[in-house]
Protein backbone atom coordinates (compact mmCIF):
# COMPACT_ATOMS: atom_id res chain seq x y z
CA SER A 1 -27.39 221.67 230.49
CA TRP A 2 -28.71 220.35 227.07
CA GLU A 3 -26.16 222.41 225.24
CA GLU A 4 -23.32 219.65 226.20
CA VAL A 5 -25.57 216.99 224.44
CA VAL A 6 -26.89 219.28 221.04
CA GLU A 7 -23.54 220.93 220.59
CA PRO A 8 -21.43 217.84 219.58
CA LEU A 9 -24.77 216.50 217.70
CA SER A 10 -24.82 219.69 216.05
CA ASP A 11 -21.66 218.78 214.06
CA THR A 12 -23.45 216.03 212.50
CA GLY A 13 -26.14 218.71 210.84
CA TRP A 14 -28.93 220.12 212.33
CA THR A 15 -31.19 217.84 211.02
CA ASN A 16 -30.04 215.42 213.89
CA VAL A 17 -30.33 217.78 216.66
CA GLY A 18 -34.12 218.61 215.37
CA LEU A 19 -34.85 215.09 215.18
CA PHE A 20 -33.09 214.70 218.86
CA ILE A 21 -35.22 217.70 220.13
CA ALA A 22 -38.32 215.97 218.83
CA TYR A 23 -37.79 212.40 219.93
CA ILE A 24 -37.03 213.71 223.66
CA SER A 25 -40.22 215.75 223.70
CA PHE A 26 -41.79 212.26 222.55
CA ALA A 27 -40.72 210.37 224.78
CA GLN A 28 -41.60 212.75 227.80
CA LEU A 29 -45.08 213.08 226.64
CA ALA A 30 -45.56 209.99 226.50
CA VAL A 31 -44.13 208.88 229.89
CA LEU A 32 -46.11 211.71 230.83
CA ASN A 33 -49.31 210.38 229.60
CA VAL A 34 -48.96 206.80 230.76
CA LEU A 35 -48.57 208.11 234.57
CA THR A 36 -51.08 210.15 234.03
CA GLY A 37 -53.27 207.45 232.55
CA VAL A 38 -51.99 205.30 235.70
CA PHE A 39 -53.03 207.96 238.22
CA CYS A 40 -56.60 208.34 237.12
CA GLN A 41 -57.28 204.69 236.91
CA ASN A 42 -56.12 204.50 240.25
CA ALA A 43 -58.81 207.33 241.39
CA ILE A 44 -61.51 205.48 239.43
CA ASP A 45 -60.36 202.53 241.35
CA SER A 46 -60.49 204.25 244.76
CA ALA A 47 -63.99 205.74 244.05
CA GLN A 48 -65.39 202.75 243.21
CA HIS A 49 -64.09 201.06 245.92
CA ASP A 50 -65.23 203.85 248.16
CA GLN A 51 -68.67 203.58 246.67
CA ASP A 52 -68.66 199.40 247.71
CA LEU A 53 -67.45 200.75 251.15
CA VAL A 54 -70.90 203.04 251.35
CA THR A 55 -72.78 200.27 250.29
CA GLN A 56 -71.52 198.09 253.00
CA SER A 57 -71.82 200.71 255.70
CA ILE A 58 -75.42 201.14 254.66
CA LEU A 59 -76.41 198.00 254.83
CA ALA A 60 -74.29 197.25 258.28
CA GLU A 61 -76.21 200.27 259.54
CA LYS A 62 -79.57 198.94 258.50
CA GLN A 63 -78.77 196.15 259.84
CA ASN A 64 -77.44 197.22 263.44
CA TYR A 65 -81.04 198.94 263.07
CA VAL A 66 -83.07 196.07 262.90
CA ASN A 67 -81.39 194.22 265.53
CA ARG A 68 -81.82 197.15 267.77
CA LEU A 69 -85.59 196.93 267.45
CA GLU A 70 -85.69 193.22 267.71
CA LYS A 71 -83.89 193.44 270.90
CA ASN A 72 -86.86 196.32 271.98
CA PHE A 73 -89.37 194.16 270.66
CA LYS A 74 -88.21 191.54 273.30
CA GLU A 75 -87.75 193.45 276.15
CA MET A 76 -91.42 195.15 275.15
CA ASP A 77 -92.98 191.87 275.01
CA GLN A 78 -93.39 191.22 278.83
CA ASP A 79 -94.99 187.70 278.51
CA ASP A 80 -93.23 186.45 275.78
CA SER A 81 -95.95 185.74 273.44
CA GLY A 82 -94.02 187.32 270.67
CA VAL A 83 -96.72 189.73 270.04
CA LEU A 84 -97.16 193.11 271.59
CA THR A 85 -100.29 194.37 272.69
CA ILE A 86 -101.23 197.75 272.95
CA GLN A 87 -101.10 197.74 276.39
CA GLU A 88 -97.69 196.45 276.46
CA PHE A 89 -97.09 198.53 273.71
CA LYS A 90 -97.86 201.90 275.88
CA ALA A 91 -96.86 200.92 279.24
CA HIS A 92 -93.64 200.52 277.87
CA LEU A 93 -93.44 204.16 275.72
CA GLU A 94 -94.46 205.86 278.81
CA ASP A 95 -91.16 204.86 280.06
CA GLN A 96 -88.58 207.66 279.27
CA ASN A 97 -85.99 205.36 278.82
CA VAL A 98 -87.84 203.48 276.21
CA LYS A 99 -88.98 206.99 274.71
CA ALA A 100 -85.57 208.21 274.67
CA ILE A 101 -84.49 204.87 272.27
CA PHE A 102 -87.17 205.33 270.29
CA GLU A 103 -86.41 209.06 269.75
CA SER A 104 -82.55 207.64 268.92
CA LEU A 105 -84.19 205.38 266.36
CA GLU A 106 -85.84 208.87 264.62
CA LEU A 107 -89.29 207.31 265.41
CA ASP A 108 -92.20 210.05 267.15
CA THR A 109 -94.08 208.55 270.01
CA SER A 110 -96.24 211.17 270.89
CA ASP A 111 -99.23 209.36 269.48
CA ILE A 112 -98.92 206.13 270.92
CA TRP A 113 -102.34 204.69 269.44
CA THR A 114 -101.64 205.86 266.10
CA LEU A 115 -98.12 204.51 266.17
CA PHE A 116 -99.36 201.23 266.67
CA LYS A 117 -102.07 201.28 264.22
CA LEU A 118 -99.59 202.19 261.28
CA MET A 119 -97.34 199.73 262.42
CA ASP A 120 -100.60 196.99 262.55
CA ALA A 121 -100.17 195.36 259.23
CA ASP A 122 -102.99 192.90 259.82
CA ASN A 123 -105.32 195.20 261.92
CA GLY A 124 -104.98 192.02 264.52
CA GLN A 125 -104.58 194.12 267.36
CA THR A 126 -101.47 193.00 268.37
CA LEU A 127 -97.82 193.45 266.61
CA ASN A 128 -95.80 190.60 265.86
CA MET A 129 -91.95 191.42 265.85
CA ASP A 130 -92.17 191.43 261.53
CA GLU A 131 -94.90 194.09 262.05
CA PHE A 132 -93.00 196.11 264.44
CA VAL A 133 -89.49 196.27 262.60
CA THR A 134 -91.47 196.38 259.30
CA GLY A 135 -93.34 199.36 260.77
CA CYS A 136 -90.58 201.41 262.53
CA MET A 137 -88.43 201.01 259.72
CA ARG A 138 -91.15 202.30 257.53
CA LEU A 139 -91.88 204.93 259.89
CA LYS A 140 -88.09 205.81 260.73
CA GLY A 141 -87.57 209.92 260.22
CA THR A 142 -89.24 212.28 258.32
CA ALA A 143 -91.84 212.01 255.84
CA LYS A 144 -90.29 211.43 252.56
CA GLY A 145 -90.84 212.60 248.54
CA LEU A 146 -92.28 209.23 247.92
CA ASP A 147 -94.69 209.31 251.02
CA VAL A 148 -96.26 212.55 250.18
CA ALA A 149 -96.66 211.86 246.58
CA LYS A 150 -98.59 208.69 247.61
CA LEU A 151 -100.34 210.68 249.63
CA SER A 152 -101.21 212.99 247.39
CA TYR A 153 -101.94 210.32 244.52
CA GLU A 154 -104.60 208.55 247.15
CA ASN A 155 -106.20 211.61 247.95
CA LYS A 156 -106.89 212.27 244.68
CA PHE A 157 -108.38 208.49 243.83
CA LEU A 158 -110.82 209.53 247.17
CA MET A 159 -111.50 212.34 245.80
CA LYS A 160 -113.03 210.99 242.31
C-alpha cells in the first residue's frame, strides 16, 4: 500500500510527500502517454499496410481477369488468325458454357451484335485480342456514374 511508503517520507515533511505524489503521477502519465503513442503508431502503420494489401489485391484480381479474357479469346479464335469474326464470336456465345463464363465475368451477352460492335474499336469487323480484352474490361459490370455522365454530355452535345 502507498501508506507504507508515504508514512516514513512524511517524517521529513509534507512537502516531500506532495513532491513524491506529483513525481509518481507524472511518471505514470508519461509512461501511459508513451504506450498510447506506440499503440496508435502501430495502428496507423497497420492501416497503411492494409491499404497496400487492398491495392495489391485489386491489381492481382484485374490481372487474373485479363488472363481469363485472353484465354477465352484464344479458345474462341478457332482458325488461330489472331482475330475474332462476328461469326466466331456468335457461335461461341450461343454455347451455354461460354455464355456462363461471360456472365461470371459480369458481361451481358443478351445482344451479341451490339456487344461485338461496342468491342470493335477500329470498326474493322473483327476483334483482335487487345480490342477484346479492353472492350470486356470497359463493358464489365453495370453502368458507372462516369458512363452516365459521359452519355449525358454527348447527348447535350448532339442536341446543339
